[in-house]
Amino acid sequence: MSLEAVESCVQKLVERLQSHEDREALREQENKDLRYGVIERKKRKKDKKTVLSTAAVLTTDAMKVIIAAKEAAEEAKKKAKE
């Protein structure tokens, strides 16, 4: 093999290696982005559950107030009858 042929082969190998390194860096960035996306989705889901839980507590408290008001109205009716 001539020196020019060896240099050509080495140049092609270096270019190919650089191409592989670039693709690897791109894959690593995509993986980081995907992991970050998963973390964000889990966080939003957890926040949504927290909001729903808070709404459920408020609904429960509201129901307690409504029940207490109905009971007070029934007692007032009973006292009015007596």
N, C-alpha and C. Protein backbone atom coordinates (compact mmCIF):
# COMPACT_ATOMS: atom_id res chain seq x y z
N MET A 1 0.85 -1.19 0.00
CA MET A 1 0.00 0.00 0.00
C MET A 1 0.88 1.23 0.00
N SER A 2 0.42 2.20 -0.72
CA SER A 2 1.18 3.45 -0.77
C SER A 2 0.82 4.31 0.43
N LEU A 3 1.63 5.29 0.66
CA LEU A 3 1.42 6.22 1.77
C LEU A 3 0.12 6.99 1.59
N GLU A 4 -0.21 7.35 0.38
CA GLU A 4 -1.46 8.09 0.09
C GLU A 4 -2.68 7.22 0.41
N ALA A 5 -2.61 5.94 0.08
CA ALA A 5 -3.72 5.03 0.35
C ALA A 5 -3.91 4.85 1.85
N VAL A 6 -2.81 4.74 2.59
CA VAL A 6 -2.88 4.61 4.05
C VAL A 6 -3.47 5.87 4.66
N GLU A 7 -3.01 7.03 4.20
CA GLU A 7 -3.54 8.31 4.71
C GLU A 7 -5.03 8.43 4.41
N SER A 8 -5.45 7.98 3.24
CA SER A 8 -6.86 8.03 2.86
C SER A 8 -7.68 7.13 3.78
N CYS A 9 -7.17 5.92 4.04
CA CYS A 9 -7.88 4.99 4.95
C CYS A 9 -7.96 5.55 6.36
N VAL A 10 -6.87 6.13 6.83
CA VAL A 10 -6.85 6.72 8.17
C VAL A 10 -7.83 7.87 8.25
N GLN A 11 -7.86 8.70 7.22
CA GLN A 11 -8.78 9.85 7.19
C GLN A 11 -10.23 9.37 7.25
N LYS A 12 -10.56 8.33 6.48
CA LYS A 12 -11.92 7.79 6.49
C LYS A 12 -12.27 7.21 7.85
N LEU A 13 -11.32 6.53 8.47
CA LEU A 13 -11.57 5.98 9.81
C LEU A 13 -11.79 7.08 10.84
N VAL A 14 -11.02 8.14 10.75
CA VAL A 14 -11.18 9.28 11.67
C VAL A 14 -12.53 9.92 11.47
N GLU A 15 -12.94 10.11 10.22
CA GLU A 15 -14.26 10.70 9.94
C GLU A 15 -15.38 9.82 10.47
N ARG A 16 -15.22 8.50 10.27
CA ARG A 16 -16.23 7.57 10.75
C ARG A 16 -16.32 7.58 12.28
N LEU A 17 -15.17 7.61 12.93
CA LEU A 17 -15.14 7.67 14.39
C LEU A 17 -15.80 8.96 14.88
N GLN A 18 -15.50 10.07 14.22
CA GLN A 18 -16.12 11.35 14.61
C GLN A 18 -17.63 11.28 14.43
N SER A 19 -18.07 10.65 13.36
CA SER A 19 -19.50 10.50 13.10
C SER A 19 -20.16 9.69 14.21
N HIS A 20 -19.50 8.60 14.61
CA HIS A 20 -20.03 7.77 15.71
C HIS A 20 -20.08 8.55 17.02
N GLU A 21 -19.05 9.33 17.28
CA GLU A 21 -19.02 10.14 18.51
C GLU A 21 -20.13 11.17 18.49
N ASP A 22 -20.36 11.78 17.34
CA ASP A 22 -21.44 12.77 17.23
C ASP A 22 -22.80 12.13 17.47
N ARG A 23 -23.01 10.93 16.88
CA ARG A 23 -24.28 10.23 17.09
C ARG A 23 -24.46 9.83 18.55
N GLU A 24 -23.37 9.42 19.17
CA GLU A 24 -23.44 9.04 20.59
C GLU A 24 -23.80 10.24 21.45
N ALA A 25 -23.21 11.38 21.17
CA ALA A 25 -23.53 12.60 21.92
C ALA A 25 -25.00 12.98 21.71
N LEU A 26 -25.47 12.82 20.49
CA LEU A 26 -26.88 13.12 20.20
C LEU A 26 -27.80 12.17 20.96
N ARG A 27 -27.46 10.88 20.98
CA ARG A 27 -28.27 9.91 21.74
C ARG A 27 -28.29 10.23 23.23
N GLU A 28 -27.14 10.61 23.76
CA GLU A 28 -27.08 10.95 25.19
C GLU A 28 -27.97 12.15 25.49
N GLN A 29 -27.96 13.15 24.61
CA GLN A 29 -28.80 14.33 24.81
C GLN A 29 -30.28 13.95 24.72
N GLU A 30 -30.62 13.09 23.75
CA GLU A 30 -32.01 12.65 23.62
C GLU A 30 -32.44 11.88 24.87
N ASN A 31 -31.57 11.04 25.40
CA ASN A 31 -31.89 10.30 26.62
C ASN A 31 -32.12 11.24 27.79
N LYS A 32 -31.27 12.27 27.89
CA LYS A 32 -31.45 13.25 28.97
C LYS A 32 -32.78 13.96 28.82
N ASP A 33 -33.11 14.34 27.58
CA ASP A 33 -34.38 15.01 27.33
C ASP A 33 -35.56 14.12 27.68
N LEU A 34 -35.45 12.83 27.30
CA LEU A 34 -36.53 11.90 27.61
C LEU A 34 -36.68 11.72 29.11
N ARG A 35 -35.56 11.56 29.82
CA ARG A 35 -35.63 11.42 31.28
C ARG A 35 -36.25 12.65 31.92
N TYR A 36 -35.85 13.83 31.44
CA TYR A 36 -36.40 15.07 31.98
C TYR A 36 -37.90 15.13 31.72
N GLY A 37 -38.31 14.69 30.52
CA GLY A 37 -39.73 14.68 30.19
C GLY A 37 -40.51 13.76 31.10
N VAL A 38 -39.96 12.60 31.40
CA VAL A 38 -40.62 11.64 32.30
C VAL A 38 -40.73 12.25 33.69
N ILE A 39 -39.67 12.86 34.16
CA ILE A 39 -39.69 13.48 35.48
C ILE A 39 -40.75 14.58 35.54
N GLU A 40 -40.83 15.40 34.49
CA GLU A 40 -41.82 16.48 34.45
C GLU A 40 -43.24 15.91 34.42
N ARG A 41 -43.47 14.84 33.64
CA ARG A 41 -44.81 14.25 33.59
C ARG A 41 -45.21 13.69 34.95
N LYS A 42 -44.27 13.02 35.63
CA LYS A 42 -44.56 12.49 36.96
C LYS A 42 -44.87 13.62 37.93
N LYS A 43 -44.12 14.72 37.83
CA LYS A 43 -44.35 15.86 38.72
C LYS A 43 -45.73 16.45 38.47
N ARG A 44 -46.10 16.63 37.18
CA ARG A 44 -47.42 17.18 36.87
C ARG A 44 -48.52 16.24 37.36
N LYS A 45 -48.31 14.93 37.21
CA LYS A 45 -49.30 13.96 37.66
C LYS A 45 -49.46 14.03 39.18
N LYS A 46 -48.34 14.16 39.88
CA LYS A 46 -48.38 14.26 41.34
C LYS A 46 -49.09 15.55 41.75
N ASP A 47 -48.77 16.67 41.06
CA ASP A 47 -49.42 17.94 41.36
C ASP A 47 -50.92 17.84 41.12
N LYS A 48 -51.30 17.14 40.04
CA LYS A 48 -52.72 16.98 39.73
C LYS A 48 -53.42 16.18 40.82
N LYS A 49 -52.75 15.12 41.30
CA LYS A 49 -53.33 14.32 42.39
C LYS A 49 -53.50 15.17 43.63
N THR A 50 -52.52 16.03 43.91
CA THR A 50 -52.59 16.90 45.09
C THR A 50 -53.77 17.85 44.96
N VAL A 51 -53.95 18.42 43.77
CA VAL A 51 -55.07 19.33 43.55
C VAL A 51 -56.39 18.59 43.72
N LEU A 52 -56.48 17.38 43.15
CA LEU A 52 -57.70 16.60 43.29
C LEU A 52 -57.96 16.24 44.75
N SER A 53 -56.92 15.91 45.49
CA SER A 53 -57.09 15.59 46.90
C SER A 53 -57.59 16.80 47.67
N THR A 54 -57.03 17.96 47.37
CA THR A 54 -57.46 19.19 48.02
C THR A 54 -58.91 19.49 47.68
N ALA A 55 -59.28 19.29 46.43
CA ALA A 55 -60.66 19.52 46.02
C ALA A 55 -61.59 18.54 46.73
N ALA A 56 -61.16 17.30 46.89
CA ALA A 56 -61.97 16.31 47.59
C ALA A 56 -62.17 16.71 49.05
N VAL A 57 -61.13 17.22 49.68
CA VAL A 57 -61.24 17.67 51.08
C VAL A 57 -62.21 18.83 51.17
N LEU A 58 -62.08 19.77 50.23
CA LEU A 58 -63.01 20.91 50.24
C LEU A 58 -64.44 20.43 50.02
N THR A 59 -64.62 19.47 49.14
CA THR A 59 -65.95 18.94 48.89
C THR A 59 -66.48 18.25 50.14
N THR A 60 -65.64 17.50 50.82
CA THR A 60 -66.06 16.84 52.05
C THR A 60 -66.45 17.87 53.10
N ASP A 61 -65.65 18.91 53.24
CA ASP A 61 -65.99 19.97 54.20
C ASP A 61 -67.30 20.65 53.82
N ALA A 62 -67.50 20.88 52.53
CA ALA A 62 -68.74 21.50 52.08
C ALA A 62 -69.93 20.59 52.38
N MET A 63 -69.76 19.30 52.17
CA MET A 63 -70.84 18.36 52.46
C MET A 63 -71.16 18.35 53.95
N LYS A 64 -70.16 18.44 54.79
CA LYS A 64 -70.40 18.49 56.24
C LYS A 64 -71.22 19.72 56.61
N VAL A 65 -70.89 20.84 55.98
CA VAL A 65 -71.64 22.08 56.25
C VAL A 65 -73.08 21.93 55.78
N ILE A 66 -73.27 21.35 54.61
CA ILE A 66 -74.63 21.16 54.08
C ILE A 66 -75.44 20.23 54.98
N ILE A 67 -74.81 19.13 55.41
CA ILE A 67 -75.50 18.19 56.31
C ILE A 67 -75.86 18.87 57.62
N ALA A 68 -74.93 19.64 58.16
CA ALA A 68 -75.21 20.36 59.42
C ALA A 68 -76.35 21.34 59.23
N ALA A 69 -76.40 22.03 58.09
CA ALA A 69 -77.48 22.98 57.82
C ALA A 69 -78.81 22.26 57.70
N LYS A 70 -78.85 21.10 57.04
CA LYS A 70 -80.09 20.33 56.91
C LYS A 70 -80.58 19.85 58.27
N GLU A 71 -79.64 19.38 59.08
CA GLU A 71 -80.02 18.91 60.42
C GLU A 71 -80.56 20.06 61.25
N ALA A 72 -79.94 21.23 61.13
CA ALA A 72 -80.42 22.41 61.88
C ALA A 72 -81.81 22.80 61.40
N ALA A 73 -82.04 22.71 60.09
CA ALA A 73 -83.37 23.04 59.54
C ALA A 73 -84.41 22.05 60.04
N GLU A 74 -84.07 20.76 60.10
CA GLU A 74 -85.01 19.74 60.60
C GLU A 74 -85.33 19.97 62.06
N GLU A 75 -84.31 20.31 62.84
CA GLU A 75 -84.54 20.59 64.26
C GLU A 75 -85.43 21.81 64.44
N ALA A 76 -85.22 22.81 63.60
CA ALA A 76 -86.06 24.02 63.68
C ALA A 76 -87.50 23.69 63.33
N LYS A 77 -87.73 22.80 62.34
CA LYS A 77 -89.08 22.39 61.98
C LYS A 77 -89.74 21.65 63.15
N LYS A 78 -88.98 20.75 63.79
CA LYS A 78 -89.51 20.00 64.92
C LYS A 78 -89.90 20.93 66.06
N LYS A 79 -89.05 21.92 66.34
CA LYS A 79 -89.33 22.87 67.41
C LYS A 79 -90.55 23.73 67.05
N ALA A 80 -90.70 24.05 65.78
CA ALA A 80 -91.84 24.86 65.34
C ALA A 80 -93.15 24.07 65.50
N LYS A 81 -93.11 22.77 65.30
CA LYS A 81 -94.29 21.92 65.43
C LYS A 81 -94.71 21.80 66.89
N GLU A 82 -93.75 21.85 67.80
CA GLU A 82 -94.04 21.68 69.23
C GLU A 82 -94.58 22.91 69.80
